[in-house]
Amino acid sequence: MNIILGYLLAVNIATFFLYGIDKYKAKKNKWRISEATLLTMAAIGGSIGAWAGMRLWHHKTMHKKFKYGIPLIIIMQIALVAYLHTIIL
């Protein structure tokens, strides 16, 4: 269980900072982190970090793919955890 929590903490922190880095690069007109990478990081467990990064840095908040996709990923991940919890217990 500690390994899972450690993984989720690490991937959420990494995702959070990726959104911040991408926002910085967007402002400086530099090479950007791909949308696929940002969404993949959310999908592999960093959805809360993605949501927090979007809110803090006001990044990708107008893109429908992110505006609706990140909350959908969060809901799906919560449902998965709830389902797995019922199977395990």
C-alpha atoms as a PDB file:
ATOM      1  CA  MET A   1       0.000   0.000   0.000  1.00  0.00           C
ATOM      2  CA  ASN A   2       2.875   2.395   0.799  1.00  0.00           C
ATOM      3  CA  ILE A   3       4.353   1.769  -2.646  1.00  0.00           C
ATOM      4  CA  ILE A   4       1.065   2.729  -4.310  1.00  0.00           C
ATOM      5  CA  LEU A   5       0.735   5.895  -2.235  1.00  0.00           C
ATOM      6  CA  GLY A   6       4.354   6.811  -2.951  1.00  0.00           C
ATOM      7  CA  TYR A   7       3.794   6.272  -6.671  1.00  0.00           C
ATOM      8  CA  LEU A   8       0.638   8.409  -6.672  1.00  0.00           C
ATOM      9  CA  LEU A   9       2.347  11.171  -4.727  1.00  0.00           C
ATOM     10  CA  ALA A  10       5.326  11.194  -7.099  1.00  0.00           C
ATOM     11  CA  VAL A  11       3.261  11.128 -10.299  1.00  0.00           C
ATOM     12  CA  ASN A  12       0.945  13.884  -9.034  1.00  0.00           C
ATOM     13  CA  ILE A  13       3.846  16.128  -8.045  1.00  0.00           C
ATOM     14  CA  ALA A  14       5.528  15.512 -11.411  1.00  0.00           C
ATOM     15  CA  THR A  15       2.300  16.200 -13.308  1.00  0.00           C
ATOM     16  CA  PHE A  16       1.642  19.364 -11.313  1.00  0.00           C
ATOM     17  CA  PHE A  17       5.070  20.735 -12.199  1.00  0.00           C
ATOM     18  CA  LEU A  18       4.785  19.655 -15.848  1.00  0.00           C
ATOM     19  CA  TYR A  19       1.726  21.893 -16.182  1.00  0.00           C
ATOM     20  CA  GLY A  20       3.664  24.757 -14.618  1.00  0.00           C
ATOM     21  CA  ILE A  21       6.663  24.201 -16.882  1.00  0.00           C
ATOM     22  CA  ASP A  22       4.436  24.050 -19.954  1.00  0.00           C
ATOM     23  CA  LYS A  23       2.719  27.302 -18.957  1.00  0.00           C
ATOM     24  CA  TYR A  24       6.110  28.969 -18.505  1.00  0.00           C
ATOM     25  CA  LYS A  25       7.268  27.710 -21.904  1.00  0.00           C
ATOM     26  CA  ALA A  26       4.040  28.914 -23.512  1.00  0.00           C
ATOM     27  CA  LYS A  27       4.636  32.421 -22.170  1.00  0.00           C
ATOM     28  CA  LYS A  28       8.256  32.393 -23.391  1.00  0.00           C
ATOM     29  CA  ASN A  29       7.263  30.988 -26.805  1.00  0.00           C
ATOM     30  CA  LYS A  30       9.559  27.983 -26.333  1.00  0.00           C
ATOM     31  CA  TRP A  31       9.279  24.275 -27.114  1.00  0.00           C
ATOM     32  CA  ARG A  32       6.252  22.889 -25.269  1.00  0.00           C
ATOM     33  CA  ILE A  33       5.277  19.696 -23.515  1.00  0.00           C
ATOM     34  CA  SER A  34       2.823  17.837 -25.744  1.00  0.00           C
ATOM     35  CA  GLU A  35      -0.848  17.634 -24.832  1.00  0.00           C
ATOM     36  CA  ALA A  36      -0.548  13.856 -25.138  1.00  0.00           C
ATOM     37  CA  THR A  37       2.135  13.843 -22.434  1.00  0.00           C
ATOM     38  CA  LEU A  38       0.082  16.056 -20.128  1.00  0.00           C
ATOM     39  CA  LEU A  39      -3.011  13.866 -20.555  1.00  0.00           C
ATOM     40  CA  THR A  40      -1.025  10.641 -20.220  1.00  0.00           C
ATOM     41  CA  MET A  41       0.463  11.811 -16.937  1.00  0.00           C
ATOM     42  CA  ALA A  42      -3.059  12.491 -15.673  1.00  0.00           C
ATOM     43  CA  ALA A  43      -4.263   9.090 -16.868  1.00  0.00           C
ATOM     44  CA  ILE A  44      -1.464   7.148 -15.148  1.00  0.00           C
ATOM     45  CA  GLY A  45      -2.387   8.564 -11.757  1.00  0.00           C
ATOM     46  CA  GLY A  46      -1.518  12.262 -11.868  1.00  0.00           C
ATOM     47  CA  SER A  47      -5.033  13.581 -12.389  1.00  0.00           C
ATOM     48  CA  ILE A  48      -5.197  15.526  -9.124  1.00  0.00           C
ATOM     49  CA  GLY A  49      -1.820  17.106  -9.888  1.00  0.00           C
ATOM     50  CA  ALA A  50      -3.049  17.965 -13.386  1.00  0.00           C
ATOM     51  CA  TRP A  51      -6.207  19.555 -12.019  1.00  0.00           C
ATOM     52  CA  ALA A  52      -4.229  21.525  -9.415  1.00  0.00           C
ATOM     53  CA  GLY A  53      -1.710  22.665 -12.038  1.00  0.00           C
ATOM     54  CA  MET A  54      -4.489  23.776 -14.355  1.00  0.00           C
ATOM     55  CA  ARG A  55      -6.067  25.822 -11.578  1.00  0.00           C
ATOM     56  CA  LEU A  56      -2.919  27.321 -10.085  1.00  0.00           C
ATOM     57  CA  TRP A  57      -1.309  28.336 -13.366  1.00  0.00           C
ATOM     58  CA  HIS A  58      -4.545  28.882 -15.337  1.00  0.00           C
ATOM     59  CA  HIS A  59      -3.178  26.511 -17.943  1.00  0.00           C
ATOM     60  CA  LYS A  60      -5.262  24.563 -20.473  1.00  0.00           C
ATOM     61  CA  THR A  61      -8.443  25.672 -18.704  1.00  0.00           C
ATOM     62  CA  MET A  62     -10.167  26.724 -21.932  1.00  0.00           C
ATOM     63  CA  HIS A  63      -9.298  23.594 -23.904  1.00  0.00           C
ATOM     64  CA  LYS A  64     -12.302  21.245 -23.822  1.00  0.00           C
ATOM     65  CA  LYS A  65      -9.992  18.232 -23.902  1.00  0.00           C
ATOM     66  CA  PHE A  66      -8.568  19.339 -20.551  1.00  0.00           C
ATOM     67  CA  LYS A  67     -11.524  21.237 -19.098  1.00  0.00           C
ATOM     68  CA  TYR A  68     -13.720  18.133 -19.272  1.00  0.00           C
ATOM     69  CA  GLY A  69     -11.113  15.402 -19.714  1.00  0.00           C
ATOM     70  CA  ILE A  70      -9.204  15.880 -16.470  1.00  0.00           C
ATOM     71  CA  PRO A  71     -12.336  15.835 -14.259  1.00  0.00           C
ATOM     72  CA  LEU A  72     -13.530  12.768 -16.184  1.00  0.00           C
ATOM     73  CA  ILE A  73     -10.209  11.023 -15.544  1.00  0.00           C
ATOM     74  CA  ILE A  74     -10.487  11.899 -11.839  1.00  0.00           C
ATOM     75  CA  ILE A  75     -14.007  10.436 -11.669  1.00  0.00           C
ATOM     76  CA  MET A  76     -12.907   7.282 -13.485  1.00  0.00           C
ATOM     77  CA  GLN A  77      -9.934   6.848 -11.157  1.00  0.00           C
ATOM     78  CA  ILE A  78     -12.106   7.314  -8.067  1.00  0.00           C
ATOM     79  CA  ALA A  79     -14.569   4.750  -9.443  1.00  0.00           C
ATOM     80  CA  LEU A  80     -11.715   2.322 -10.114  1.00  0.00           C
ATOM     81  CA  VAL A  81     -10.337   2.718  -6.588  1.00  0.00           C
ATOM     82  CA  ALA A  82     -13.824   2.243  -5.102  1.00  0.00           C
ATOM     83  CA  TYR A  83     -14.355  -0.881  -7.197  1.00  0.00           C
ATOM     84  CA  LEU A  84     -10.972  -2.343  -6.301  1.00  0.00           C
ATOM     85  CA  HIS A  85     -11.610  -1.534  -2.656  1.00  0.00           C
ATOM     86  CA  THR A  86     -14.820  -3.609  -2.694  1.00  0.00           C
ATOM     87  CA  ILE A  87     -13.026  -6.536  -4.322  1.00  0.00           C
ATOM     88  CA  ILE A  88     -10.108  -6.490  -1.898  1.00  0.00           C
ATOM     89  CA  LEU A  89     -12.194  -6.081   1.246  1.00  0.00           C
END
